[in-house]
Amino acid sequence: MDKRHTHRMQTVQKLFPLGFEGINPATNDTDPTFNSVVRNLKKIDLVIQKYAPRYPLKKIAKVDLAILRLSMYELLFEKKQPPKVIIDEAVILAREFGNEKSYSFINGVLGSALKESPQNETS
């Protein structure tokens, strides 16, 4: 298995509990990606809310929310991979961890964010 994919899987698993109320995110983990997502969580959540307006964060499946948080972080802050690679990876994670509708929901949210992104690299 690809090391990047394995790392994404592990990060999603660490982000999963943050979808529940009352869980305070700690940024003392050894994973710098996880720590960066947690530090930028409010900004990331605002973007998710913008592109999934019919679904309040509390209503989004916790695993889908974890995948969206990681993917939005990679799209908006990290920018190490091309956007289409990030979205493809998110869809793969959704197929692995989510339900039968997760991958299309995540693809739609991330696709909408990418279309409106000022640094849109799809042209």
PDB file of N, CA and C in Angstrom:
ATOM      1  N   MET A   1       0.842  -1.176   0.000  1.00  0.00           N
ATOM      2  CA  MET A   1       0.000   0.000   0.000  1.00  0.00           C
ATOM      3  C   MET A   1       0.893   1.247   0.000  1.00  0.00           C
ATOM      4  N   ASP A   2       0.457   2.258  -0.687  1.00  0.00           N
ATOM      5  CA  ASP A   2       1.163   3.528  -0.789  1.00  0.00           C
ATOM      6  C   ASP A   2       1.311   4.169   0.598  1.00  0.00           C
ATOM      7  N   LYS A   3       2.502   4.665   0.900  1.00  0.00           N
ATOM      8  CA  LYS A   3       2.758   5.277   2.202  1.00  0.00           C
ATOM      9  C   LYS A   3       1.884   6.510   2.439  1.00  0.00           C
ATOM     10  N   ARG A   4       1.645   7.277   1.390  1.00  0.00           N
ATOM     11  CA  ARG A   4       0.800   8.470   1.538  1.00  0.00           C
ATOM     12  C   ARG A   4      -0.636   8.079   1.874  1.00  0.00           C
ATOM     13  N   HIS A   5      -1.120   7.013   1.226  1.00  0.00           N
ATOM     14  CA  HIS A   5      -2.479   6.552   1.500  1.00  0.00           C
ATOM     15  C   HIS A   5      -2.584   6.036   2.941  1.00  0.00           C
ATOM     16  N   THR A   6      -1.601   5.289   3.366  1.00  0.00           N
ATOM     17  CA  THR A   6      -1.581   4.780   4.734  1.00  0.00           C
ATOM     18  C   THR A   6      -1.581   5.932   5.736  1.00  0.00           C
ATOM     19  N   HIS A   7      -0.785   6.957   5.446  1.00  0.00           N
ATOM     20  CA  HIS A   7      -0.737   8.123   6.326  1.00  0.00           C
ATOM     21  C   HIS A   7      -2.094   8.825   6.365  1.00  0.00           C
ATOM     22  N   ARG A   8      -2.737   8.956   5.226  1.00  0.00           N
ATOM     23  CA  ARG A   8      -4.069   9.579   5.186  1.00  0.00           C
ATOM     24  C   ARG A   8      -5.074   8.756   5.996  1.00  0.00           C
ATOM     25  N   MET A   9      -5.017   7.445   5.862  1.00  0.00           N
ATOM     26  CA  MET A   9      -5.922   6.579   6.629  1.00  0.00           C
ATOM     27  C   MET A   9      -5.720   6.793   8.129  1.00  0.00           C
ATOM     28  N   GLN A  10      -4.477   6.836   8.553  1.00  0.00           N
ATOM     29  CA  GLN A  10      -4.178   7.026   9.974  1.00  0.00           C
ATOM     30  C   GLN A  10      -4.645   8.402  10.457  1.00  0.00           C
ATOM     31  N   THR A  11      -4.461   9.410   9.633  1.00  0.00           N
ATOM     32  CA  THR A  11      -4.876  10.758  10.010  1.00  0.00           C
ATOM     33  C   THR A  11      -6.393  10.848  10.110  1.00  0.00           C
ATOM     34  N   VAL A  12      -7.106  10.246   9.171  1.00  0.00           N
ATOM     35  CA  VAL A  12      -8.572  10.229   9.235  1.00  0.00           C
ATOM     36  C   VAL A  12      -9.022   9.549  10.522  1.00  0.00           C
ATOM     37  N   GLN A  13      -8.375   8.469  10.894  1.00  0.00           N
ATOM     38  CA  GLN A  13      -8.747   7.762  12.123  1.00  0.00           C
ATOM     39  C   GLN A  13      -8.509   8.632  13.359  1.00  0.00           C
ATOM     40  N   LYS A  14      -7.480   9.458  13.334  1.00  0.00           N
ATOM     41  CA  LYS A  14      -7.221  10.368  14.453  1.00  0.00           C
ATOM     42  C   LYS A  14      -8.218  11.526  14.467  1.00  0.00           C
ATOM     43  N   LEU A  15      -8.655  11.963  13.275  1.00  0.00           N
ATOM     44  CA  LEU A  15      -9.594  13.074  13.181  1.00  0.00           C
ATOM     45  C   LEU A  15     -11.025  12.656  13.512  1.00  0.00           C
ATOM     46  N   PHE A  16     -11.330  11.390  13.342  1.00  0.00           N
ATOM     47  CA  PHE A  16     -12.692  10.885  13.547  1.00  0.00           C
ATOM     48  C   PHE A  16     -13.302  11.311  14.887  1.00  0.00           C
ATOM     49  N   PRO A  17     -12.615  11.130  16.030  1.00  0.00           N
ATOM     50  CA  PRO A  17     -13.235  11.492  17.315  1.00  0.00           C
ATOM     51  C   PRO A  17     -13.572  12.975  17.443  1.00  0.00           C
ATOM     52  N   LEU A  18     -12.913  13.821  16.672  1.00  0.00           N
ATOM     53  CA  LEU A  18     -13.158  15.257  16.764  1.00  0.00           C
ATOM     54  C   LEU A  18     -14.543  15.640  16.244  1.00  0.00           C
ATOM     55  N   GLY A  19     -15.207  14.726  15.562  1.00  0.00           N
ATOM     56  CA  GLY A  19     -16.555  14.987  15.067  1.00  0.00           C
ATOM     57  C   GLY A  19     -17.614  14.922  16.151  1.00  0.00           C
ATOM     58  N   PHE A  20     -17.249  14.426  17.300  1.00  0.00           N
ATOM     59  CA  PHE A  20     -18.196  14.298  18.409  1.00  0.00           C
ATOM     60  C   PHE A  20     -18.077  15.505  19.331  1.00  0.00           C
ATOM     61  N   GLU A  21     -19.206  15.968  19.827  1.00  0.00           N
ATOM     62  CA  GLU A  21     -19.201  17.126  20.720  1.00  0.00           C
ATOM     63  C   GLU A  21     -18.458  16.805  22.002  1.00  0.00           C
ATOM     64  N   GLY A  22     -17.781  17.799  22.527  1.00  0.00           N
ATOM     65  CA  GLY A  22     -17.093  17.639  23.797  1.00  0.00           C
ATOM     66  C   GLY A  22     -15.691  17.074  23.681  1.00  0.00           C
ATOM     67  N   ILE A  23     -15.283  16.716  22.480  1.00  0.00           N
ATOM     68  CA  ILE A  23     -13.919  16.205  22.289  1.00  0.00           C
ATOM     69  C   ILE A  23     -13.037  17.405  21.961  1.00  0.00           C
ATOM     70  N   ASN A  24     -12.091  17.669  22.822  1.00  0.00           N
ATOM     71  CA  ASN A  24     -11.178  18.781  22.581  1.00  0.00           C
ATOM     72  C   ASN A  24      -9.966  18.279  21.817  1.00  0.00           C
ATOM     73  N   PRO A  25      -9.683  18.893  20.698  1.00  0.00           N
ATOM     74  CA  PRO A  25      -8.540  18.443  19.912  1.00  0.00           C
ATOM     75  C   PRO A  25      -7.220  18.797  20.591  1.00  0.00           C
ATOM     76  N   ALA A  26      -6.352  17.837  20.666  1.00  0.00           N
ATOM     77  CA  ALA A  26      -5.008  18.061  21.203  1.00  0.00           C
ATOM     78  C   ALA A  26      -4.035  18.121  20.037  1.00  0.00           C
ATOM     79  N   THR A  27      -3.111  19.048  20.110  1.00  0.00           N
ATOM     80  CA  THR A  27      -2.135  19.179  19.018  1.00  0.00           C
ATOM     81  C   THR A  27      -0.756  18.719  19.471  1.00  0.00           C
ATOM     82  N   ASN A  28      -0.712  17.739  20.337  1.00  0.00           N
ATOM     83  CA  ASN A  28       0.579  17.233  20.783  1.00  0.00           C
ATOM     84  C   ASN A  28       0.880  15.861  20.189  1.00  0.00           C
ATOM     85  N   ASP A  29       0.202  15.536  19.120  1.00  0.00           N
ATOM     86  CA  ASP A  29       0.424  14.282  18.416  1.00  0.00           C
ATOM     87  C   ASP A  29       1.741  14.375  17.658  1.00  0.00           C
ATOM     88  N   THR A  30       2.319  13.247  17.339  1.00  0.00           N
ATOM     89  CA  THR A  30       3.574  13.252  16.585  1.00  0.00           C
ATOM     90  C   THR A  30       3.363  13.445  15.087  1.00  0.00           C
ATOM     91  N   ASP A  31       2.116  13.431  14.644  1.00  0.00           N
ATOM     92  CA  ASP A  31       1.789  13.583  13.228  1.00  0.00           C
ATOM     93  C   ASP A  31       1.600  15.069  12.905  1.00  0.00           C
ATOM     94  N   PRO A  32       2.526  15.664  12.145  1.00  0.00           N
ATOM     95  CA  PRO A  32       2.408  17.094  11.847  1.00  0.00           C
ATOM     96  C   PRO A  32       1.167  17.439  11.018  1.00  0.00           C
ATOM     97  N   THR A  33       0.713  16.527  10.162  1.00  0.00           N
ATOM     98  CA  THR A  33      -0.501  16.787   9.373  1.00  0.00           C
ATOM     99  C   THR A  33      -1.704  16.884  10.294  1.00  0.00           C
ATOM    100  N   PHE A  34      -1.839  15.940  11.197  1.00  0.00           N
ATOM    101  CA  PHE A  34      -2.946  15.968  12.158  1.00  0.00           C
ATOM    102  C   PHE A  34      -2.917  17.261  12.960  1.00  0.00           C
ATOM    103  N   ASN A  35      -1.754  17.630  13.467  1.00  0.00           N
ATOM    104  CA  ASN A  35      -1.623  18.860  14.260  1.00  0.00           C
ATOM    105  C   ASN A  35      -2.015  20.087  13.452  1.00  0.00           C
ATOM    106  N   SER A  36      -1.632  20.118  12.189  1.00  0.00           N
ATOM    107  CA  SER A  36      -1.968  21.259  11.337  1.00  0.00           C
ATOM    108  C   SER A  36      -3.465  21.321  11.054  1.00  0.00           C
ATOM    109  N   VAL A  37      -4.078  20.178  10.833  1.00  0.00           N
ATOM    110  CA  VAL A  37      -5.534  20.149  10.622  1.00  0.00           C
ATOM    111  C   VAL A  37      -6.233  20.688  11.868  1.00  0.00           C
ATOM    112  N   VAL A  38      -5.809  20.232  13.033  1.00  0.00           N
ATOM    113  CA  VAL A  38      -6.431  20.675  14.282  1.00  0.00           C
ATOM    114  C   VAL A  38      -6.249  22.177  14.471  1.00  0.00           C
ATOM    115  N   ARG A  39      -5.067  22.696  14.194  1.00  0.00           N
ATOM    116  CA  ARG A  39      -4.815  24.133  14.338  1.00  0.00           C
ATOM    117  C   ARG A  39      -5.691  24.967  13.399  1.00  0.00           C
ATOM    118  N   ASN A  40      -6.032  24.413  12.240  1.00  0.00           N
ATOM    119  CA  ASN A  40      -6.826  25.132  11.241  1.00  0.00           C
ATOM    120  C   ASN A  40      -8.277  24.671  11.184  1.00  0.00           C
ATOM    121  N   LEU A  41      -8.714  23.959  12.197  1.00  0.00           N
ATOM    122  CA  LEU A  41     -10.024  23.316  12.183  1.00  0.00           C
ATOM    123  C   LEU A  41     -11.179  24.301  11.957  1.00  0.00           C
ATOM    124  N   LYS A  42     -11.139  25.453  12.604  1.00  0.00           N
ATOM    125  CA  LYS A  42     -12.239  26.415  12.447  1.00  0.00           C
ATOM    126  C   LYS A  42     -12.332  26.911  11.005  1.00  0.00           C
ATOM    127  N   LYS A  43     -11.209  27.221  10.404  1.00  0.00           N
ATOM    128  CA  LYS A  43     -11.199  27.681   9.009  1.00  0.00           C
ATOM    129  C   LYS A  43     -11.674  26.569   8.077  1.00  0.00           C
ATOM    130  N   ILE A  44     -11.187  25.370   8.313  1.00  0.00           N
ATOM    131  CA  ILE A  44     -11.568  24.216   7.489  1.00  0.00           C
ATOM    132  C   ILE A  44     -13.068  23.965   7.596  1.00  0.00           C
ATOM    133  N   ASP A  45     -13.592  24.000   8.814  1.00  0.00           N
ATOM    134  CA  ASP A  45     -15.024  23.758   9.019  1.00  0.00           C
ATOM    135  C   ASP A  45     -15.884  24.822   8.342  1.00  0.00           C
ATOM    136  N   LEU A  46     -15.423  26.064   8.339  1.00  0.00           N
ATOM    137  CA  LEU A  46     -16.167  27.124   7.631  1.00  0.00           C
ATOM    138  C   LEU A  46     -16.245  26.846   6.135  1.00  0.00           C
ATOM    139  N   VAL A  47     -15.157  26.351   5.569  1.00  0.00           N
ATOM    140  CA  VAL A  47     -15.141  26.025   4.141  1.00  0.00           C
ATOM    141  C   VAL A  47     -16.068  24.843   3.866  1.00  0.00           C
ATOM    142  N   ILE A  48     -16.031  23.841   4.719  1.00  0.00           N
ATOM    143  CA  ILE A  48     -16.928  22.689   4.547  1.00  0.00           C
ATOM    144  C   ILE A  48     -18.385  23.162   4.606  1.00  0.00           C
ATOM    145  N   GLN A  49     -18.698  24.020   5.559  1.00  0.00           N
ATOM    146  CA  GLN A  49     -20.064  24.530   5.669  1.00  0.00           C
ATOM    147  C   GLN A  49     -20.465  25.314   4.421  1.00  0.00           C
ATOM    148  N   LYS A  50     -19.523  26.038   3.855  1.00  0.00           N
ATOM    149  CA  LYS A  50     -19.814  26.815   2.647  1.00  0.00           C
ATOM    150  C   LYS A  50     -20.185  25.906   1.479  1.00  0.00           C
ATOM    151  N   TYR A  51     -19.479  24.800   1.326  1.00  0.00           N
ATOM    152  CA  TYR A  51     -19.691  23.929   0.172  1.00  0.00           C
ATOM    153  C   TYR A  51     -20.624  22.754   0.438  1.00  0.00           C
ATOM    154  N   ALA A  52     -21.098  22.632   1.665  1.00  0.00           N
ATOM    155  CA  ALA A  52     -22.132  21.639   1.999  1.00  0.00           C
ATOM    156  C   ALA A  52     -23.204  22.349   2.824  1.00  0.00           C
ATOM    157  N   PRO A  53     -23.814  23.395   2.260  1.00  0.00           N
ATOM    158  CA  PRO A  53     -24.716  24.244   3.045  1.00  0.00           C
ATOM    159  C   PRO A  53     -25.976  23.537   3.559  1.00  0.00           C
ATOM    160  N   ARG A  54     -26.389  22.487   2.913  1.00  0.00           N
ATOM    161  CA  ARG A  54     -27.596  21.778   3.355  1.00  0.00           C
ATOM    162  C   ARG A  54     -27.310  20.810   4.502  1.00  0.00           C
ATOM    163  N   TYR A  55     -26.037  20.665   4.854  1.00  0.00           N
ATOM    164  CA  TYR A  55     -25.648  19.703   5.883  1.00  0.00           C
ATOM    165  C   TYR A  55     -24.831  20.388   6.970  1.00  0.00           C
ATOM    166  N   PRO A  56     -25.450  20.717   8.104  1.00  0.00           N
ATOM    167  CA  PRO A  56     -24.659  21.256   9.216  1.00  0.00           C
ATOM    168  C   PRO A  56     -23.610  20.222   9.631  1.00  0.00           C
ATOM    169  N   LEU A  57     -22.509  20.687  10.161  1.00  0.00           N
ATOM    170  CA  LEU A  57     -21.421  19.769  10.537  1.00  0.00           C
ATOM    171  C   LEU A  57     -21.918  18.649  11.450  1.00  0.00           C
ATOM    172  N   LYS A  58     -22.852  18.961  12.328  1.00  0.00           N
ATOM    173  CA  LYS A  58     -23.385  17.950  13.256  1.00  0.00           C
ATOM    174  C   LYS A  58     -24.139  16.842  12.528  1.00  0.00           C
ATOM    175  N   LYS A  59     -24.630  17.135  11.321  1.00  0.00           N
ATOM    176  CA  LYS A  59     -25.422  16.161  10.573  1.00  0.00           C
ATOM    177  C   LYS A  59     -24.583  15.323   9.601  1.00  0.00           C
ATOM    178  N   ILE A  60     -23.363  15.742   9.348  1.00  0.00           N
ATOM    179  CA  ILE A  60     -22.479  14.997   8.442  1.00  0.00           C
ATOM    180  C   ILE A  60     -21.949  13.778   9.193  1.00  0.00           C
ATOM    181  N   ALA A  61     -21.951  12.637   8.537  1.00  0.00           N
ATOM    182  CA  ALA A  61     -21.408  11.426   9.158  1.00  0.00           C
ATOM    183  C   ALA A  61     -19.986  11.708   9.646  1.00  0.00           C
ATOM    184  N   LYS A  62     -19.671  11.244  10.827  1.00  0.00           N
ATOM    185  CA  LYS A  62     -18.381  11.566  11.463  1.00  0.00           C
ATOM    186  C   LYS A  62     -17.185  11.151  10.614  1.00  0.00           C
ATOM    187  N   VAL A  63     -17.279  10.012   9.971  1.00  0.00           N
ATOM    188  CA  VAL A  63     -16.164   9.571   9.131  1.00  0.00           C
ATOM    189  C   VAL A  63     -16.057  10.463   7.893  1.00  0.00           C
ATOM    190  N   ASP A  64     -17.191  10.859   7.330  1.00  0.00           N
ATOM    191  CA  ASP A  64     -17.171  11.766   6.176  1.00  0.00           C
ATOM    192  C   ASP A  64     -16.570  13.104   6.572  1.00  0.00           C
ATOM    193  N   LEU A  65     -16.913  13.580   7.758  1.00  0.00           N
ATOM    194  CA  LEU A  65     -16.380  14.846   8.244  1.00  0.00           C
ATOM    195  C   LEU A  65     -14.863  14.765   8.423  1.00  0.00           C
ATOM    196  N   ALA A  66     -14.384  13.655   8.955  1.00  0.00           N
ATOM    197  CA  ALA A  66     -12.930  13.487   9.127  1.00  0.00           C
ATOM    198  C   ALA A  66     -12.220  13.503   7.774  1.00  0.00           C
ATOM    199  N   ILE A  67     -12.795  12.821   6.793  1.00  0.00           N
ATOM    200  CA  ILE A  67     -12.201  12.792   5.450  1.00  0.00           C
ATOM    201  C   ILE A  67     -12.237  14.179   4.825  1.00  0.00           C
ATOM    202  N   LEU A  68     -13.355  14.872   4.954  1.00  0.00           N
ATOM    203  CA  LEU A  68     -13.464  16.228   4.414  1.00  0.00           C
ATOM    204  C   LEU A  68     -12.468  17.175   5.078  1.00  0.00           C
ATOM    205  N   ARG A  69     -12.307  17.056   6.372  1.00  0.00           N
ATOM    206  CA  ARG A  69     -11.369  17.936   7.082  1.00  0.00           C
ATOM    207  C   ARG A  69      -9.939  17.726   6.587  1.00  0.00           C
ATOM    208  N   LEU A  70      -9.527  16.490   6.457  1.00  0.00           N
ATOM    209  CA  LEU A  70      -8.184  16.217   5.960  1.00  0.00           C
ATOM    210  C   LEU A  70      -8.031  16.709   4.529  1.00  0.00           C
ATOM    211  N   SER A  71      -8.993  16.413   3.693  1.00  0.00           N
ATOM    212  CA  SER A  71      -8.899  16.780   2.276  1.00  0.00           C
ATOM    213  C   SER A  71      -8.929  18.290   2.076  1.00  0.00           C
ATOM    214  N   MET A  72      -9.786  18.993   2.809  1.00  0.00           N
ATOM    215  CA  MET A  72      -9.819  20.454   2.713  1.00  0.00           C
ATOM    216  C   MET A  72      -8.492  21.046   3.180  1.00  0.00           C
ATOM    217  N   TYR A  73      -7.936  20.467   4.232  1.00  0.00           N
ATOM    218  CA  TYR A  73      -6.624  20.924   4.692  1.00  0.00           C
ATOM    219  C   TYR A  73      -5.589  20.767   3.574  1.00  0.00           C
ATOM    220  N   GLU A  74      -5.588  19.595   2.945  1.00  0.00           N
ATOM    221  CA  GLU A  74      -4.619  19.351   1.872  1.00  0.00           C
ATOM    222  C   GLU A  74      -4.840  20.291   0.688  1.00  0.00           C
ATOM    223  N   LEU A  75      -6.102  20.568   0.357  1.00  0.00           N
ATOM    224  CA  LEU A  75      -6.410  21.467  -0.763  1.00  0.00           C
ATOM    225  C   LEU A  75      -6.058  22.919  -0.457  1.00  0.00           C
ATOM    226  N   LEU A  76      -6.372  23.376   0.749  1.00  0.00           N
ATOM    227  CA  LEU A  76      -6.271  24.794   1.071  1.00  0.00           C
ATOM    228  C   LEU A  76      -4.948  25.214   1.709  1.00  0.00           C
ATOM    229  N   PHE A  77      -4.348  24.334   2.489  1.00  0.00           N
ATOM    230  CA  PHE A  77      -3.173  24.721   3.259  1.00  0.00           C
ATOM    231  C   PHE A  77      -1.896  24.015   2.826  1.00  0.00           C
ATOM    232  N   GLU A  78      -1.953  22.712   2.719  1.00  0.00           N
ATOM    233  CA  GLU A  78      -0.744  21.945   2.432  1.00  0.00           C
ATOM    234  C   GLU A  78      -0.309  22.086   0.975  1.00  0.00           C
ATOM    235  N   LYS A  79      -1.203  21.855   0.065  1.00  0.00           N
ATOM    236  CA  LYS A  79      -0.990  22.025  -1.376  1.00  0.00           C
ATOM    237  C   LYS A  79       0.244  21.284  -1.908  1.00  0.00           C
ATOM    238  N   LYS A  80       0.506  20.088  -1.369  1.00  0.00           N
ATOM    239  CA  LYS A  80       1.643  19.294  -1.830  1.00  0.00           C
ATOM    240  C   LYS A  80       1.288  18.422  -3.037  1.00  0.00           C
ATOM    241  N   GLN A  81       0.012  18.080  -3.151  1.00  0.00           N
ATOM    242  CA  GLN A  81      -0.456  17.207  -4.233  1.00  0.00           C
ATOM    243  C   GLN A  81      -1.388  18.003  -5.141  1.00  0.00           C
ATOM    244  N   PRO A  82      -1.500  17.592  -6.398  1.00  0.00           N
ATOM    245  CA  PRO A  82      -2.489  18.232  -7.267  1.00  0.00           C
ATOM    246  C   PRO A  82      -3.895  18.022  -6.708  1.00  0.00           C
ATOM    247  N   PRO A  83      -4.775  19.013  -6.866  1.00  0.00           N
ATOM    248  CA  PRO A  83      -6.129  18.902  -6.313  1.00  0.00           C
ATOM    249  C   PRO A  83      -6.864  17.631  -6.728  1.00  0.00           C
ATOM    250  N   LYS A  84      -6.722  17.232  -7.979  1.00  0.00           N
ATOM    251  CA  LYS A  84      -7.441  16.022  -8.421  1.00  0.00           C
ATOM    252  C   LYS A  84      -6.949  14.776  -7.684  1.00  0.00           C
ATOM    253  N   VAL A  85      -5.672  14.733  -7.337  1.00  0.00           N
ATOM    254  CA  VAL A  85      -5.130  13.606  -6.575  1.00  0.00           C
ATOM    255  C   VAL A  85      -5.732  13.600  -5.170  1.00  0.00           C
ATOM    256  N   ILE A  86      -5.817  14.767  -4.567  1.00  0.00           N
ATOM    257  CA  ILE A  86      -6.390  14.877  -3.223  1.00  0.00           C
ATOM    258  C   ILE A  86      -7.845  14.417  -3.234  1.00  0.00           C
ATOM    259  N   ILE A  87      -8.602  14.863  -4.225  1.00  0.00           N
ATOM    260  CA  ILE A  87     -10.014  14.474  -4.316  1.00  0.00           C
ATOM    261  C   ILE A  87     -10.142  12.975  -4.576  1.00  0.00           C
ATOM    262  N   ASP A  88      -9.327  12.435  -5.470  1.00  0.00           N
ATOM    263  CA  ASP A  88      -9.361  10.991  -5.730  1.00  0.00           C
ATOM    264  C   ASP A  88      -9.056  10.199  -4.465  1.00  0.00           C
ATOM    265  N   GLU A  89      -8.065  10.648  -3.705  1.00  0.00           N
ATOM    266  CA  GLU A  89      -7.719   9.970  -2.456  1.00  0.00           C
ATOM    267  C   GLU A  89      -8.876  10.046  -1.456  1.00  0.00           C
ATOM    268  N   ALA A  90      -9.530  11.201  -1.393  1.00  0.00           N
ATOM    269  CA  ALA A  90     -10.668  11.352  -0.482  1.00  0.00           C
ATOM    270  C   ALA A  90     -11.793  10.393  -0.862  1.00  0.00           C
ATOM    271  N   VAL A  91     -12.040  10.247  -2.146  1.00  0.00           N
ATOM    272  CA  VAL A  91     -13.080   9.326  -2.621  1.00  0.00           C
ATOM    273  C   VAL A  91     -12.706   7.886  -2.261  1.00  0.00           C
ATOM    274  N   ILE A  92     -11.453   7.535  -2.418  1.00  0.00           N
ATOM    275  CA  ILE A  92     -10.997   6.182  -2.049  1.00  0.00           C
ATOM    276  C   ILE A  92     -11.200   5.954  -0.552  1.00  0.00           C
ATOM    277  N   LEU A  93     -10.814   6.938   0.264  1.00  0.00           N
ATOM    278  CA  LEU A  93     -11.015   6.810   1.714  1.00  0.00           C
ATOM    279  C   LEU A  93     -12.503   6.676   2.050  1.00  0.00           C
ATOM    280  N   ALA A  94     -13.334   7.433   1.354  1.00  0.00           N
ATOM    281  CA  ALA A  94     -14.773   7.359   1.599  1.00  0.00           C
ATOM    282  C   ALA A  94     -15.318   5.976   1.245  1.00  0.00           C
ATOM    283  N   ARG A  95     -14.817   5.403   0.178  1.00  0.00           N
ATOM    284  CA  ARG A  95     -15.253   4.044  -0.202  1.00  0.00           C
ATOM    285  C   ARG A  95     -14.784   3.018   0.838  1.00  0.00           C
ATOM    286  N   GLU A  96     -13.612   3.249   1.420  1.00  0.00           N
ATOM    287  CA  GLU A  96     -13.066   2.313   2.409  1.00  0.00           C
ATOM    288  C   GLU A  96     -13.752   2.440   3.773  1.00  0.00           C
ATOM    289  N   PHE A  97     -13.997   3.678   4.205  1.00  0.00           N
ATOM    290  CA  PHE A  97     -14.483   3.908   5.563  1.00  0.00           C
ATOM    291  C   PHE A  97     -15.956   4.304   5.656  1.00  0.00           C
ATOM    292  N   GLY A  98     -16.487   4.926   4.626  1.00  0.00           N
ATOM    293  CA  GLY A  98     -17.832   5.488   4.700  1.00  0.00           C
ATOM    294  C   GLY A  98     -18.915   4.520   4.271  1.00  0.00           C
ATOM    295  N   ASN A  99     -20.104   5.093   4.088  1.00  0.00           N
ATOM    296  CA  ASN A  99     -21.224   4.276   3.618  1.00  0.00           C
ATOM    297  C   ASN A  99     -21.317   4.373   2.099  1.00  0.00           C
ATOM    298  N   GLU A 100     -22.383   3.825   1.535  1.00  0.00           N
ATOM    299  CA  GLU A 100     -22.494   3.757   0.071  1.00  0.00           C
ATOM    300  C   GLU A 100     -22.678   5.126  -0.584  1.00  0.00           C
ATOM    301  N   LYS A 101     -23.044   6.146   0.188  1.00  0.00           N
ATOM    302  CA  LYS A 101     -23.229   7.487  -0.369  1.00  0.00           C
ATOM    303  C   LYS A 101     -22.072   8.432  -0.049  1.00  0.00           C
ATOM    304  N   SER A 102     -21.184   8.006   0.810  1.00  0.00           N
ATOM    305  CA  SER A 102     -20.103   8.878   1.275  1.00  0.00           C
ATOM    306  C   SER A 102     -19.239   9.404   0.146  1.00  0.00           C
ATOM    307  N   TYR A 103     -18.826   8.523  -0.742  1.00  0.00           N
ATOM    308  CA  TYR A 103     -17.877   8.943  -1.767  1.00  0.00           C
ATOM    309  C   TYR A 103     -18.456  10.005  -2.686  1.00  0.00           C
ATOM    310  N   SER A 104     -19.755   9.902  -3.029  1.00  0.00           N
ATOM    311  CA  SER A 104     -20.330  10.900  -3.923  1.00  0.00           C
ATOM    312  C   SER A 104     -20.530  12.233  -3.199  1.00  0.00           C
ATOM    313  N   PHE A 105     -20.893  12.183  -1.925  1.00  0.00           N
ATOM    314  CA  PHE A 105     -21.034  13.398  -1.129  1.00  0.00           C
ATOM    315  C   PHE A 105     -19.688  14.120  -1.019  1.00  0.00           C
ATOM    316  N   ILE A 106     -18.656  13.390  -0.660  1.00  0.00           N
ATOM    317  CA  ILE A 106     -17.320  13.976  -0.498  1.00  0.00           C
ATOM    318  C   ILE A 106     -16.805  14.500  -1.826  1.00  0.00           C
ATOM    319  N   ASN A 107     -16.998  13.752  -2.882  1.00  0.00           N
ATOM    320  CA  ASN A 107     -16.580  14.196  -4.212  1.00  0.00           C
ATOM    321  C   ASN A 107     -17.285  15.505  -4.588  1.00  0.00           C
ATOM    322  N   GLY A 108     -18.567  15.607  -4.295  1.00  0.00           N
ATOM    323  CA  GLY A 108     -19.327  16.811  -4.620  1.00  0.00           C
ATOM    324  C   GLY A 108     -18.856  18.023  -3.834  1.00  0.00           C
ATOM    325  N   VAL A 109     -18.636  17.854  -2.544  1.00  0.00           N
ATOM    326  CA  VAL A 109     -18.189  18.978  -1.705  1.00  0.00           C
ATOM    327  C   VAL A 109     -16.809  19.453  -2.144  1.00  0.00           C
ATOM    328  N   LEU A 110     -15.894  18.524  -2.315  1.00  0.00           N
ATOM    329  CA  LEU A 110     -14.533  18.906  -2.708  1.00  0.00           C
ATOM    330  C   LEU A 110     -14.495  19.457  -4.131  1.00  0.00           C
ATOM    331  N   GLY A 111     -15.296  18.880  -5.020  1.00  0.00           N
ATOM    332  CA  GLY A 111     -15.366  19.381  -6.390  1.00  0.00           C
ATOM    333  C   GLY A 111     -15.877  20.808  -6.442  1.00  0.00           C
ATOM    334  N   SER A 112     -16.891  21.110  -5.637  1.00  0.00           N
ATOM    335  CA  SER A 112     -17.418  22.480  -5.575  1.00  0.00           C
ATOM    336  C   SER A 112     -16.370  23.443  -5.038  1.00  0.00           C
ATOM    337  N   ALA A 113     -15.659  23.026  -4.019  1.00  0.00           N
ATOM    338  CA  ALA A 113     -14.607  23.875  -3.451  1.00  0.00           C
ATOM    339  C   ALA A 113     -13.513  24.128  -4.481  1.00  0.00           C
ATOM    340  N   LEU A 114     -13.169  23.109  -5.242  1.00  0.00           N
ATOM    341  CA  LEU A 114     -12.115  23.252  -6.244  1.00  0.00           C
ATOM    342  C   LEU A 114     -12.544  24.185  -7.368  1.00  0.00           C
ATOM    343  N   LYS A 115     -13.799  24.076  -7.803  1.00  0.00           N
ATOM    344  CA  LYS A 115     -14.299  24.931  -8.886  1.00  0.00           C
ATOM    345  C   LYS A 115     -14.216  26.406  -8.532  1.00  0.00           C
ATOM    346  N   GLU A 116     -14.503  26.734  -7.277  1.00  0.00           N
ATOM    347  CA  GLU A 116     -14.515  28.128  -6.853  1.00  0.00           C
ATOM    348  C   GLU A 116     -13.176  28.603  -6.323  1.00  0.00           C
ATOM    349  N   SER A 117     -12.217  27.713  -6.258  1.00  0.00           N
ATOM    350  CA  SER A 117     -10.905  28.056  -5.713  1.00  0.00           C
ATOM    351  C   SER A 117     -10.188  29.055  -6.608  1.00  0.00           C
ATOM    352  N   PRO A 118      -9.611  30.119  -6.020  1.00  0.00           N
ATOM    353  CA  PRO A 118      -8.893  31.096  -6.840  1.00  0.00           C
ATOM    354  C   PRO A 118      -7.666  30.515  -7.526  1.00  0.00           C
ATOM    355  N   GLN A 119      -7.092  29.487  -6.944  1.00  0.00           N
ATOM    356  CA  GLN A 119      -5.921  28.854  -7.557  1.00  0.00           C
ATOM    357  C   GLN A 119      -6.319  27.576  -8.283  1.00  0.00           C
ATOM    358  N   ASN A 120      -7.508  27.563  -8.857  1.00  0.00           N
ATOM    359  CA  ASN A 120      -8.041  26.407  -9.587  1.00  0.00           C
ATOM    360  C   ASN A 120      -7.032  25.934 -10.618  1.00  0.00           C
ATOM    361  N   GLU A 121      -6.605  24.692 -10.457  1.00  0.00           N
ATOM    362  CA  GLU A 121      -5.586  24.140 -11.359  1.00  0.00           C
ATOM    363  C   GLU A 121      -6.178  23.212 -12.407  1.00  0.00           C
ATOM    364  N   THR A 122      -7.474  23.294 -12.626  1.00  0.00           N
ATOM    365  CA  THR A 122      -8.095  22.365 -13.578  1.00  0.00           C
ATOM    366  C   THR A 122      -8.099  22.931 -14.993  1.00  0.00           C
ATOM    367  N   SER A 123      -7.728  24.186 -15.171  1.00  0.00           N
ATOM    368  CA  SER A 123      -7.797  24.775 -16.515  1.00  0.00           C
ATOM    369  C   SER A 123      -6.612  24.425 -17.365  1.00  0.00           C
TER     370      SER A 123
END
